[in-house]
């Protein structure tokens, strides 16, 4: 027989609650319980325990404060709850016992909404498996009994657990998202708690609407108002992200998606979120493409040093010679007033532009769970005469499945370009003779360059260059600039997708129209011959419909076309005789 999971409690198993003597004035008790530190959900005395104690005290003492003020105990109690939630900022999650209690309520309501009447063993198996699969509650599921017999319908959850399949499946579910996204989910969860407990006055754990149209409308309206609640403090795109992350949190805790119905869709929520994005546009929408000419401007102070050292195969150089070369380049950089840190930031900006790098692909932070680009990830290709042909940078795509191999991004050694990323990368390796297993973009101690430092440096460089909209520029504009350069160079979409490690049409949002492309389009339009379409008379569509024109219509049309031809000949003769300077 299927082993039964311990029955979920109808009420949370609360920890010790504060005691108050009957002689204690209720007003003093309420005031003592109003402190935010006490109301915090993970304190030993939970909010629910405080509420229950306040209610008991009201009943026991007869509402001492109520007697003094003349108000009903229930009125004072409701007011106290509202005052409490308006003063408290929820920063902690609920304890496990309260989570289980709320899940049991939502599950019971879901069954009523679905209208299903499954047999008790099947219902119990579903509850047990869903609880075991939940990323939050599953950690507390006890060891279940195994079953030797084969049941045609109900699986042995104990067997699945004993063979480790449940833990593995939960790991796969968790692997869908990176740990770096956990803070965003937690932020969304806090907003959801504030909304449900202080505005909607409802449980944050939601049931499935199922076949109930009324339940569906309630849930949809609840989430639409949640979007409106978020819109008071954050931008439109952030609202949509919070809604998505809140649903992710709910799914990880309960095992099911909120606001999902079996027979109905929720178009109003989709429409509301679209309206939020339109009414509350994100400031990031105005980000510009990085101008490639700036890279040449930044190199101007040490251009002579840049040209003096001809790239050659560093791997074939003895160690002493490499160190001597590094020392010489560093000394000459300092003579030009360029620090090594400044130079490294310029190299990084050139590489991010030329290889369309995300900042977390080049210099990730620990929470990104991303391996930085290593010194061994760059390979230089040489021509037969020994000159540098191109640099090949191996990049692990950031937004791909885990285990995705690195892809090669070739960077040509262009003599006429503005960025000159290949040459810059060679100089970077030349001044940092270190082990090939270390980060490529690192300080002298071998640690990855901090993202914060590079972002601050980039903002300052954009501002000092006199860029008008410098506030809209971030380090991600380098990737946008690289994509825009591809677009301006008429590079095929398939090549741009591979170059930027994009799937689908994601590259469309990165490209910005350039003056050259717009002028080329205007010139092409101006030179386009549309005579093929102009020559089609009105009778063309009549004939297509089976209605032939009369002889008078044909004669009149011939006169008009002859007149237009004479006018065109006169214009051409006048244009040919004009003096064009």
Protein backbone atom coordinates (compact mmCIF):
# COMPACT_ATOMS: atom_id res chain seq x y z
CA UNK A 1 0.00 0.00 0.00
CA UNK A 2 1.03 3.52 -0.68
CA UNK A 3 2.63 5.04 2.36
CA UNK A 4 0.74 8.06 3.51
CA UNK A 5 2.55 11.28 4.06
CA UNK A 6 1.99 12.85 7.41
CA UNK A 7 -1.24 14.77 7.20
CA UNK A 8 -0.76 18.45 6.61
CA UNK A 9 -1.86 20.48 9.60
CA UNK A 10 -5.00 22.49 9.28
CA UNK A 11 -3.26 25.25 11.17
CA UNK A 12 0.46 26.02 11.39
CA UNK A 13 2.38 24.49 14.24
CA UNK A 14 3.22 27.80 15.82
CA UNK A 15 6.15 28.26 18.12
CA UNK A 16 5.85 29.68 21.60
CA UNK A 17 3.60 32.72 21.74
CA UNK A 18 3.85 35.69 24.06
CA UNK A 19 1.87 35.49 27.26
CA UNK A 20 -0.10 38.34 28.73
CA UNK A 21 -1.90 38.23 32.03
CA UNK A 22 -5.59 38.99 32.11
CA UNK A 23 -4.87 42.02 34.20
CA UNK A 24 -2.63 43.50 31.55
CA UNK A 25 -4.17 46.38 29.74
CA UNK A 26 -4.98 45.43 26.13
CA UNK A 27 -3.72 48.76 24.90
CA UNK A 28 -0.24 48.10 26.31
CA UNK A 29 -0.24 44.64 24.77
CA UNK A 30 -1.21 45.90 21.34
CA UNK A 31 1.42 48.60 21.44
CA UNK A 32 4.06 46.08 22.46
CA UNK A 33 3.10 43.83 19.57
CA UNK A 34 3.26 46.63 16.98
CA UNK A 35 7.05 46.68 16.81
CA UNK A 36 8.35 45.70 13.35
CA UNK A 37 10.94 43.39 14.87
CA UNK A 38 8.17 41.32 16.46
CA UNK A 39 6.00 41.19 13.37
CA UNK A 40 8.85 39.88 11.19
CA UNK A 41 7.71 36.56 9.78
CA UNK A 42 10.76 34.54 10.80
CA UNK A 43 10.71 35.66 14.41
CA UNK A 44 9.75 33.00 16.89
CA UNK A 45 6.46 34.79 17.43
CA UNK A 46 4.87 34.93 13.98
CA UNK A 47 2.35 37.47 12.86
CA UNK A 48 -0.39 34.87 13.03
CA UNK A 49 0.45 34.07 16.63
CA UNK A 50 0.37 37.76 17.50
CA UNK A 51 -3.00 38.19 15.85
CA UNK A 52 -4.45 35.19 17.64
CA UNK A 53 -3.06 36.38 20.95
CA UNK A 54 -4.52 39.85 20.38
CA UNK A 55 -7.90 38.33 19.58
CA UNK A 56 -7.82 36.15 22.69
CA UNK A 57 -6.84 39.10 24.81
CA UNK A 58 -9.71 41.14 23.44
CA UNK A 59 -12.15 38.40 24.33
CA UNK A 60 -10.63 37.73 27.75
CA UNK A 61 -10.39 41.31 28.93
CA UNK A 62 -13.57 42.46 27.25
CA UNK A 63 -11.69 45.04 25.25
CA UNK A 64 -10.43 47.48 27.88
CA UNK A 65 -9.47 50.02 25.26
CA UNK A 66 -12.77 49.57 23.52
CA UNK A 67 -14.61 50.36 26.69
CA UNK A 68 -12.64 53.57 27.06
CA UNK A 69 -13.10 54.70 23.47
CA UNK A 70 -16.62 53.42 22.93
CA UNK A 71 -15.60 51.46 19.82
CA UNK A 72 -16.39 47.82 19.14
CA UNK A 73 -13.56 45.32 19.82
CA UNK A 74 -13.68 44.07 16.21
CA UNK A 75 -13.28 47.59 14.88
CA UNK A 76 -10.21 48.17 17.03
CA UNK A 77 -8.79 44.82 16.06
CA UNK A 78 -9.17 45.46 12.31
CA UNK A 79 -7.67 48.90 12.72
CA UNK A 80 -4.72 47.48 14.63
CA UNK A 81 -4.04 44.93 11.90
CA UNK A 82 -4.14 47.58 9.19
CA UNK A 83 -1.90 49.92 11.16
CA UNK A 84 0.49 47.07 11.78
CA UNK A 85 0.83 46.16 8.09
CA UNK A 86 1.21 49.75 6.98
CA UNK A 87 4.13 50.22 9.36
CA UNK A 88 5.84 46.91 8.75
CA UNK A 89 8.00 46.14 5.71
CA UNK A 90 8.02 42.43 5.08
CA UNK A 91 11.58 41.30 4.55
CA UNK A 92 11.37 37.63 5.45
CA UNK A 93 9.64 34.62 4.02
CA UNK A 94 7.05 32.60 5.92
CA UNK A 95 8.10 29.66 8.10
CA UNK A 96 7.69 26.16 6.70
CA UNK A 97 4.65 25.37 8.84
CA UNK A 98 2.77 28.40 7.61
CA UNK A 99 3.74 27.64 4.02
CA UNK A 100 2.34 24.12 4.39
CA UNK A 101 -0.82 25.46 5.99
CA UNK A 102 -1.43 27.95 3.19
CA UNK A 103 -0.68 25.32 0.53
CA UNK A 104 -3.25 22.97 2.08
CA UNK A 105 -5.87 25.73 1.90
CA UNK A 106 -5.03 26.52 -1.72
CA UNK A 107 -5.03 22.84 -2.67
CA UNK A 108 -8.45 22.31 -1.14
CA UNK A 109 -9.84 25.32 -2.99
CA UNK A 110 -8.24 24.15 -6.24
CA UNK A 111 -10.07 20.83 -6.02
CA UNK A 112 -13.37 22.61 -5.56
CA UNK A 113 -12.60 24.88 -8.53
CA UNK A 114 -11.58 21.99 -10.72
CA UNK A 115 -14.65 20.01 -9.82
CA UNK A 116 -12.64 16.79 -9.68
CA UNK A 117 -13.56 13.89 -7.43
CA UNK A 118 -10.55 11.58 -7.59
CA UNK A 119 -10.33 8.62 -5.31
CA UNK A 120 -8.55 9.22 -2.04
CA UNK A 121 -5.46 7.16 -2.90
CA UNK A 122 -4.93 9.00 -6.18
CA UNK A 123 -5.51 12.36 -4.54
CA UNK A 124 -3.07 11.50 -1.80
CA UNK A 125 -0.44 10.35 -4.31
CA UNK A 126 -0.80 13.61 -6.22
CA UNK A 127 -0.42 15.63 -3.02
CA UNK A 128 2.60 13.67 -1.92
CA UNK A 129 4.37 13.84 -5.28
CA UNK A 130 3.66 17.54 -5.73
CA UNK A 131 4.93 18.29 -2.26
CA UNK A 132 8.08 16.25 -2.86
CA UNK A 133 8.69 18.03 -6.17
CA UNK A 134 8.28 21.51 -4.70
CA UNK A 135 11.66 23.26 -4.50
CA UNK A 136 10.73 24.85 -1.21
CA UNK A 137 8.63 22.26 0.62
CA UNK A 138 10.36 19.23 -0.91
CA UNK A 139 13.40 19.69 1.31
CA UNK A 140 11.28 18.85 4.37
CA UNK A 141 9.52 15.75 2.98
CA UNK A 142 10.29 12.70 5.19
CA UNK A 143 11.56 9.38 3.86
CA UNK A 144 8.61 7.49 2.43
CA UNK A 145 7.96 3.74 2.40
CA UNK A 146 8.67 1.87 -0.80
CA UNK A 147 6.22 -0.43 -2.55
CA UNK A 148 6.97 -3.79 -4.16
CA UNK A 149 3.72 -4.28 -6.09
CA UNK A 150 2.96 -2.60 -9.42
CA UNK A 151 -0.05 -0.33 -9.52
CA UNK A 152 -1.48 0.51 -12.98
CA UNK A 153 -2.16 4.14 -12.03
CA UNK A 154 -0.46 5.31 -8.84
CA UNK A 155 3.36 5.45 -8.79
CA UNK A 156 5.37 4.48 -5.76
CA UNK A 157 6.68 7.82 -4.57
CA UNK A 158 8.79 6.01 -1.99
CA UNK A 159 10.59 4.07 -4.74
CA UNK A 160 11.21 7.25 -6.72
CA UNK A 161 12.58 8.86 -3.61
CA UNK A 162 14.75 5.86 -2.67
CA UNK A 163 16.38 5.78 -6.11
CA UNK A 164 17.14 9.48 -5.97
CA UNK A 165 14.96 10.36 -8.95
CA UNK A 166 12.92 12.97 -7.11
CA UNK A 167 16.03 14.83 -5.98
CA UNK A 168 17.47 14.69 -9.49
CA UNK A 169 14.26 15.94 -11.08
CA UNK A 170 14.08 18.81 -8.57
CA UNK A 171 17.68 19.65 -9.46
CA UNK A 172 16.74 19.83 -13.15
CA UNK A 173 13.82 22.10 -12.35
CA UNK A 174 16.11 24.34 -10.29
CA UNK A 175 18.78 24.36 -13.03
CA UNK A 176 16.41 26.22 -15.35
CA UNK A 177 17.51 29.42 -13.64
CA UNK A 178 20.91 30.59 -12.49
CA UNK A 179 21.63 31.46 -8.90
CA UNK A 180 22.28 35.03 -9.99
CA UNK A 181 18.53 35.41 -10.58
CA UNK A 182 17.62 34.42 -7.00
CA UNK A 183 17.90 37.99 -5.62
CA UNK A 184 15.45 39.19 -8.28
CA UNK A 185 12.99 36.45 -7.33
CA UNK A 186 13.32 37.31 -3.65
CA UNK A 187 12.66 41.00 -4.38
CA UNK A 188 9.53 40.09 -6.33
CA UNK A 189 8.40 37.82 -3.49
CA UNK A 190 8.64 40.66 -0.98
CA UNK A 191 6.54 42.91 -3.21
CA UNK A 192 3.98 40.13 -3.53
CA UNK A 193 3.78 39.72 0.25
CA UNK A 194 3.30 43.43 0.78
CA UNK A 195 0.57 43.50 -1.83
CA UNK A 196 -1.35 40.41 -0.71
CA UNK A 197 -1.07 40.96 3.05
CA UNK A 198 -1.40 44.75 3.25
CA UNK A 199 -3.51 45.67 0.22
CA UNK A 200 -5.52 42.69 -1.01
CA UNK A 201 -5.70 41.13 2.49
CA UNK A 202 -5.42 37.64 1.07
CA UNK A 203 -3.10 34.64 1.24
CA UNK A 204 0.07 34.89 -0.90
CA UNK A 205 -0.40 31.20 -1.84
CA UNK A 206 -3.00 31.07 -4.61
CA UNK A 207 -5.24 28.18 -5.74
CA UNK A 208 -5.79 27.02 -9.31
CA UNK A 209 -8.90 28.53 -10.94
CA UNK A 210 -9.57 25.31 -12.79
CA UNK A 211 -13.03 25.16 -14.36
CA UNK A 212 -14.46 27.92 -12.20
CA UNK A 213 -14.98 31.10 -14.21
CA UNK A 214 -15.59 33.09 -11.05
CA UNK A 215 -12.34 31.87 -9.50
CA UNK A 216 -10.54 32.71 -12.73
CA UNK A 217 -11.86 36.27 -12.72
CA UNK A 218 -10.88 36.72 -9.07
CA UNK A 219 -7.32 35.52 -9.70
CA UNK A 220 -6.90 37.55 -12.86
CA UNK A 221 -8.13 40.73 -11.20
CA UNK A 222 -5.85 40.03 -8.24
CA UNK A 223 -2.79 39.89 -10.49
CA UNK A 224 -3.84 42.89 -12.59
CA UNK A 225 -4.06 44.95 -9.42
CA UNK A 226 -0.69 43.53 -8.40
CA UNK A 227 0.74 44.97 -11.61
CA UNK A 228 -0.85 48.32 -10.77
CA UNK A 229 0.64 48.11 -7.27
CA UNK A 230 4.10 47.51 -8.73
CA UNK A 231 3.65 50.31 -11.25
CA UNK A 232 3.62 52.86 -8.43
CA UNK A 233 7.29 52.27 -7.69
CA UNK A 234 9.02 50.63 -10.69
CA UNK A 235 9.15 50.93 -14.47
CA UNK A 236 7.01 48.99 -16.91
CA UNK A 237 9.52 46.33 -17.91
CA UNK A 238 10.40 45.82 -14.26
CA UNK A 239 6.71 45.29 -13.45
CA UNK A 240 6.56 42.48 -16.01
CA UNK A 241 9.75 40.95 -14.61
CA UNK A 242 8.38 41.08 -11.06
CA UNK A 243 5.14 39.41 -12.15
CA UNK A 244 7.11 36.67 -13.91
CA UNK A 245 9.47 36.18 -10.95
CA UNK A 246 6.55 36.11 -8.53
CA UNK A 247 4.97 33.29 -10.51
CA UNK A 248 8.34 31.54 -10.48
CA UNK A 249 8.49 31.83 -6.68
CA UNK A 250 4.94 30.51 -6.36
CA UNK A 251 5.77 27.58 -8.64
CA UNK A 252 8.91 26.72 -6.68
CA UNK A 253 7.01 26.75 -3.38
CA UNK A 254 3.78 24.97 -4.30
CA UNK A 255 4.61 23.01 -7.43
CA UNK A 256 1.96 24.66 -9.59
CA UNK A 257 1.61 27.84 -11.59
CA UNK A 258 -0.77 30.47 -10.27
CA UNK A 259 -3.52 31.95 -12.47
CA UNK A 260 -3.50 28.93 -14.78
CA UNK A 261 -6.93 27.65 -15.76
CA UNK A 262 -7.79 24.42 -17.51
CA UNK A 263 -10.44 25.82 -19.86
CA UNK A 264 -9.93 29.58 -19.87
CA UNK A 265 -7.24 32.06 -20.81
CA UNK A 266 -6.45 35.35 -19.13
CA UNK A 267 -6.28 37.99 -21.84
CA UNK A 268 -6.91 40.87 -19.44
CA UNK A 269 -3.65 40.29 -17.56
CA UNK A 270 -1.68 40.15 -20.81
CA UNK A 271 -3.37 43.35 -21.96
CA UNK A 272 -2.70 45.04 -18.63
CA UNK A 273 1.00 44.18 -18.73
CA UNK A 274 1.22 45.52 -22.28
CA UNK A 275 -0.42 48.71 -21.05
CA UNK A 276 2.05 48.95 -18.18
CA UNK A 277 4.98 48.75 -20.62
CA UNK A 278 3.39 51.46 -22.76
CA UNK A 279 2.48 53.80 -19.90
CA UNK A 280 5.67 53.26 -17.89
CA UNK A 281 8.44 52.93 -20.47
CA UNK A 282 11.85 51.88 -19.28
CA UNK A 283 14.69 54.38 -19.33
CA UNK A 284 16.91 51.62 -20.67
CA UNK A 285 14.89 51.68 -23.88
CA UNK A 286 16.85 54.78 -24.90
CA UNK A 287 20.28 53.20 -24.77
CA UNK A 288 22.48 54.18 -27.70
CA UNK A 289 25.12 52.39 -29.71
CA UNK A 290 28.74 52.95 -28.74
CA UNK A 291 30.51 55.11 -31.38
CA UNK A 292 33.49 53.20 -32.74
CA UNK A 293 35.44 56.43 -33.38
CA UNK A 294 35.76 56.94 -29.63
CA UNK A 295 38.16 53.98 -29.40
CA UNK A 296 40.54 55.71 -31.79
CA UNK A 297 40.18 58.93 -29.79
CA UNK A 298 41.09 57.16 -26.55
CA UNK A 299 44.25 55.68 -28.12
CA UNK A 300 45.49 59.04 -29.34
CA UNK A 301 47.74 59.71 -26.31
CA UNK A 302 49.82 56.57 -26.86
CA UNK A 303 49.39 56.08 -30.61
CA UNK A 304 53.14 56.11 -31.12
CA UNK A 305 53.65 53.36 -28.58
CA UNK A 306 50.77 51.47 -30.17
CA UNK A 307 52.45 51.51 -33.59
CA UNK A 308 56.02 50.99 -32.39
CA UNK A 309 55.60 47.42 -31.18
CA UNK A 310 54.89 45.04 -34.06
CA UNK A 311 52.92 41.95 -32.98
CA UNK A 312 54.86 38.72 -32.99
CA UNK A 313 54.37 35.25 -31.58
CA UNK A 314 54.72 35.63 -27.81
CA UNK A 315 54.62 31.88 -27.19
CA UNK A 316 57.91 31.46 -29.05
CA UNK A 317 59.69 34.11 -26.95
CA UNK A 318 61.87 33.13 -23.97
CA UNK A 319 60.53 34.11 -20.55
CA UNK A 320 63.22 36.73 -19.93
CA UNK A 321 62.54 38.36 -23.27
CA UNK A 322 58.79 38.46 -22.60
CA UNK A 323 59.30 40.14 -19.23
CA UNK A 324 61.64 42.66 -20.80
CA UNK A 325 59.05 43.44 -23.48
CA UNK A 326 56.34 43.89 -20.86
CA UNK A 327 58.52 46.25 -18.85
CA UNK A 328 59.38 48.32 -21.93
CA UNK A 329 55.74 48.73 -23.02
CA UNK A 330 54.63 49.65 -19.51
CA UNK A 331 57.35 52.29 -19.19
CA UNK A 332 56.46 53.91 -22.49
CA UNK A 333 52.76 53.90 -21.58
CA UNK A 334 53.54 55.74 -18.35
CA UNK A 335 55.58 58.31 -20.27
CA UNK A 336 52.48 59.11 -22.32
CA UNK A 337 50.43 59.60 -19.14
CA UNK A 338 48.44 56.36 -19.64
CA UNK A 339 48.17 54.07 -16.64
CA UNK A 340 48.09 50.31 -16.98
CA UNK A 341 44.56 50.21 -15.56
CA UNK A 342 43.42 52.78 -18.13
CA UNK A 343 44.98 50.72 -20.91
CA UNK A 344 43.34 47.49 -19.72
CA UNK A 345 39.93 49.14 -19.63
CA UNK A 346 40.45 50.38 -23.18
CA UNK A 347 41.39 46.89 -24.34
CA UNK A 348 38.30 45.47 -22.67
CA UNK A 349 36.06 48.05 -24.33
CA UNK A 350 37.59 47.25 -27.73
CA UNK A 351 37.08 43.51 -27.23
CA UNK A 352 33.48 43.97 -26.05
CA UNK A 353 32.71 46.06 -29.14
CA UNK A 354 34.48 43.85 -31.69
CA UNK A 355 33.29 40.52 -30.27
CA UNK A 356 29.82 41.78 -29.21
CA UNK A 357 30.55 40.67 -25.65
CA UNK A 358 28.21 40.96 -22.72
CA UNK A 359 30.04 42.25 -19.68
CA UNK A 360 29.31 39.03 -17.79
CA UNK A 361 30.87 37.04 -20.60
CA UNK A 362 34.13 38.98 -20.33
CA UNK A 363 34.40 39.80 -16.61
CA UNK A 364 31.63 37.98 -14.70
CA UNK A 365 30.94 38.38 -11.01
CA UNK A 366 30.86 35.24 -8.80
CA UNK A 367 27.04 35.17 -8.69
CA UNK A 368 26.90 34.95 -12.51
CA UNK A 369 28.13 31.34 -12.39
CA UNK A 370 30.04 32.20 -15.54
CA UNK A 371 33.67 31.38 -16.27
CA UNK A 372 35.62 34.50 -17.34
CA UNK A 373 37.47 34.64 -20.62
CA UNK A 374 40.89 33.13 -19.92
CA UNK A 375 44.25 34.09 -21.34
CA UNK A 376 44.27 30.67 -23.02
CA UNK A 377 40.98 31.54 -24.76
CA UNK A 378 42.72 33.87 -27.22
CA UNK A 379 44.69 32.43 -30.14
CA UNK A 380 46.58 34.58 -32.64
CA UNK A 381 46.74 33.55 -36.29
CA UNK A 382 49.79 34.58 -38.31
CA UNK A 383 50.40 35.07 -42.01
CA UNK A 384 53.30 33.42 -43.85
CA UNK A 385 55.35 36.61 -43.58
CA UNK A 386 54.94 36.54 -39.77
CA UNK A 387 52.46 39.41 -39.55
CA UNK A 388 49.35 39.16 -37.39
CA UNK A 389 46.37 38.08 -39.47
CA UNK A 390 43.64 37.89 -36.83
CA UNK A 391 42.91 37.01 -33.21
CA UNK A 392 40.49 34.24 -32.34
CA UNK A 393 38.61 34.72 -29.07
CA UNK A 394 36.83 31.73 -27.53
CA UNK A 395 33.71 32.82 -25.68
CA UNK A 396 31.28 30.80 -23.60
CA UNK A 397 27.78 32.15 -24.41
CA UNK A 398 26.08 33.55 -21.34
CA UNK A 399 22.42 32.86 -22.13
CA UNK A 400 22.76 29.33 -23.45
CA UNK A 401 22.18 25.95 -21.85
CA UNK A 402 24.69 24.87 -19.25
CA UNK A 403 27.48 22.85 -20.74
CA UNK A 404 27.34 24.77 -24.03
CA UNK A 405 30.85 24.73 -25.49
CA UNK A 406 32.78 27.90 -26.19
CA UNK A 407 32.43 29.46 -29.61
CA UNK A 408 35.17 31.11 -31.65
CA UNK A 409 34.88 34.80 -32.50
CA UNK A 410 37.50 35.95 -35.07
CA UNK A 411 38.78 39.51 -34.77
CA UNK A 412 40.60 40.77 -37.86
CA UNK A 413 43.83 42.75 -37.55
CA UNK A 414 42.59 45.77 -39.48
CA UNK A 415 45.00 48.60 -40.22
CA UNK A 416 42.24 51.03 -41.19
CA UNK A 417 39.74 50.35 -38.43
CA UNK A 418 38.82 52.47 -35.45
CA UNK A 419 38.76 49.74 -32.79
CA UNK A 420 41.77 47.51 -33.66
CA UNK A 421 40.76 44.90 -31.08
CA UNK A 422 43.21 42.22 -32.29
CA UNK A 423 46.20 44.55 -31.94
CA UNK A 424 44.98 45.76 -28.52
CA UNK A 425 44.59 42.20 -27.25
CA UNK A 426 48.14 41.35 -28.33
CA UNK A 427 49.48 44.35 -26.40
CA UNK A 428 47.44 43.26 -23.36
CA UNK A 429 49.09 39.84 -23.36
CA UNK A 430 52.46 41.43 -24.01
CA UNK A 431 52.32 43.55 -20.84
CA UNK A 432 50.94 40.72 -18.67
CA UNK A 433 53.21 37.66 -19.04
CA UNK A 434 51.42 35.24 -16.78
CA UNK A 435 50.02 31.71 -16.76
CA UNK A 436 47.55 30.95 -19.52
CA UNK A 437 44.98 29.55 -17.10
CA UNK A 438 44.29 32.95 -15.53
CA UNK A 439 41.63 35.52 -16.57
CA UNK A 440 42.38 37.50 -19.71
CA UNK A 441 41.02 40.77 -18.35
CA UNK A 442 42.62 40.89 -14.92
CA UNK A 443 44.54 43.23 -12.64
CA UNK A 444 48.22 42.76 -11.87
CA UNK A 445 47.29 40.38 -9.06
CA UNK A 446 45.56 38.07 -11.56
CA UNK A 447 42.01 38.78 -10.35
CA UNK A 448 39.16 39.53 -12.75
CA UNK A 449 38.61 43.25 -13.35
CA UNK A 450 35.59 44.35 -11.26
CA UNK A 451 32.48 45.10 -13.29
CA UNK A 452 31.73 48.12 -11.13
CA UNK A 453 35.11 49.71 -11.86
CA UNK A 454 34.79 49.17 -15.60
CA UNK A 455 31.23 50.53 -15.71
CA UNK A 456 32.29 53.66 -13.82
CA UNK A 457 35.28 54.11 -16.11
CA UNK A 458 33.13 53.77 -19.23
CA UNK A 459 30.54 56.28 -18.02
CA UNK A 460 33.26 58.81 -17.23
CA UNK A 461 34.94 58.32 -20.63
CA UNK A 462 31.64 58.79 -22.47
CA UNK A 463 30.87 61.92 -20.46
CA UNK A 464 34.32 63.45 -20.93
CA UNK A 465 34.13 62.80 -24.69
CA UNK A 466 31.23 65.25 -24.87
CA UNK A 467 28.54 62.72 -25.83
CA UNK A 468 25.19 64.53 -25.53
CA UNK A 469 23.13 61.66 -24.08
CA UNK A 470 25.92 60.20 -21.97
CA UNK A 471 23.52 59.28 -19.14
CA UNK A 472 21.92 56.66 -21.39
CA UNK A 473 25.23 54.93 -22.08
CA UNK A 474 26.17 51.78 -20.18
CA UNK A 475 28.76 49.11 -20.81
CA UNK A 476 26.10 47.17 -22.73
CA UNK A 477 26.19 49.92 -25.37
CA UNK A 478 29.46 48.37 -26.57
CA UNK A 479 27.57 45.25 -27.61
CA UNK A 480 24.87 47.43 -29.20
CA UNK A 481 27.60 49.37 -31.02
CA UNK A 482 29.13 46.20 -32.40
CA UNK A 483 25.76 44.98 -33.68
CA UNK A 484 25.09 48.38 -35.24
CA UNK A 485 28.47 48.29 -36.98
CA UNK A 486 27.53 44.91 -38.47
CA UNK A 487 24.25 46.37 -39.66
CA UNK A 488 25.99 49.39 -41.18
CA UNK A 489 28.44 47.11 -43.01
CA UNK A 490 25.60 45.15 -44.69
CA UNK A 491 26.61 41.92 -43.00
CA UNK A 492 24.10 39.09 -43.47
CA UNK A 493 21.70 38.45 -40.59
CA UNK A 494 22.85 34.82 -40.22
CA UNK A 495 26.43 36.00 -39.71
CA UNK A 496 25.41 38.65 -37.18
CA UNK A 497 23.38 36.07 -35.22
CA UNK A 498 26.38 33.74 -35.05
CA UNK A 499 28.75 36.60 -34.23
CA UNK A 500 26.60 37.88 -31.36
CA UNK A 501 25.51 34.42 -30.17
CA UNK A 502 21.84 35.23 -30.74
CA UNK A 503 18.88 32.95 -31.34
CA UNK A 504 15.95 33.99 -33.48
CA UNK A 505 15.52 37.71 -34.12
CA UNK A 506 17.05 38.98 -30.88
CA UNK A 507 19.66 40.96 -32.81
CA UNK A 508 16.93 43.26 -34.14
CA UNK A 509 16.71 45.12 -30.81
CA UNK A 510 20.46 45.78 -30.83
CA UNK A 511 20.90 47.37 -34.21
CA UNK A 512 20.54 51.12 -34.61
CA UNK A 513 20.06 52.86 -37.99
CA UNK A 514 23.15 54.70 -39.16
CA UNK A 515 23.30 57.82 -41.31
CA UNK A 516 25.04 55.93 -44.14
CA UNK A 517 22.41 53.18 -44.25
CA UNK A 518 19.55 55.69 -44.19
CA UNK A 519 21.12 57.75 -47.00
CA UNK A 520 21.73 54.59 -49.02
CA UNK A 521 18.09 53.62 -48.57
CA UNK A 522 16.97 57.11 -49.60
CA UNK A 523 19.14 57.01 -52.72
CA UNK A 524 17.87 53.55 -53.64
CA UNK A 525 14.29 54.73 -53.29
CA UNK A 526 15.02 57.80 -55.40
CA UNK A 527 16.46 55.70 -58.21
CA UNK A 528 13.82 52.98 -58.15
CA UNK A 529 11.91 52.64 -61.43
CA UNK A 530 8.20 52.25 -60.77
CA UNK A 531 7.15 52.51 -64.42
CA UNK A 532 6.05 48.89 -64.42
CA UNK A 533 3.28 49.73 -62.02
CA UNK A 534 2.48 53.16 -63.46
CA UNK A 535 1.95 51.76 -66.93
CA UNK A 536 -0.91 49.62 -65.75
CA UNK A 537 -4.09 51.50 -66.73
CA UNK A 538 -7.29 51.43 -64.78
CA UNK A 539 -8.70 48.89 -67.19
CA UNK A 540 -6.18 46.32 -65.97
CA UNK A 541 -8.28 45.53 -62.92
CA UNK A 542 -11.47 45.65 -65.04
CA UNK A 543 -10.09 43.04 -67.38
CA UNK A 544 -8.96 40.99 -64.42
CA UNK A 545 -12.54 41.11 -63.14
CA UNK A 546 -13.96 40.19 -66.57
CA UNK A 547 -15.21 43.69 -67.51
CA UNK A 548 -13.81 45.08 -70.81
CA UNK A 549 -13.51 48.89 -71.22
CA UNK A 550 -15.30 50.72 -74.00
CA UNK A 551 -13.56 52.12 -77.11
CA UNK A 552 -14.03 55.69 -75.83
CA UNK A 553 -12.22 54.80 -72.58
CA UNK A 554 -9.32 53.31 -74.50
CA UNK A 555 -9.01 56.37 -76.79
CA UNK A 556 -9.14 58.79 -73.85
CA UNK A 557 -6.45 56.83 -72.02
CA UNK A 558 -4.19 56.90 -75.12
CA UNK A 559 -4.47 60.74 -75.31
CA UNK A 560 -3.52 61.07 -71.65
CA UNK A 561 -0.47 58.83 -72.02
CA UNK A 562 0.75 60.79 -75.10
CA UNK A 563 0.38 64.07 -73.22
CA UNK A 564 2.36 62.70 -70.25
CA UNK A 565 5.09 61.51 -72.59
CA UNK A 566 5.46 65.01 -74.13
CA UNK A 567 5.69 66.54 -70.64
CA UNK A 568 8.36 64.01 -69.60
CA UNK A 569 10.42 64.77 -72.74
CA UNK A 570 10.30 68.51 -71.98
CA UNK A 571 11.44 67.99 -68.39
CA UNK A 572 14.33 65.81 -69.54
CA UNK A 573 15.49 68.39 -72.11
CA UNK A 574 15.40 71.18 -69.51
CA UNK A 575 17.30 69.09 -66.98
CA UNK A 576 19.97 68.21 -69.54
CA UNK A 577 20.53 71.88 -70.38
CA UNK A 578 20.77 73.08 -66.79
CA UNK A 579 24.04 74.15 -65.21
CA UNK A 580 24.81 71.88 -62.25
CA UNK A 581 27.72 72.91 -60.05
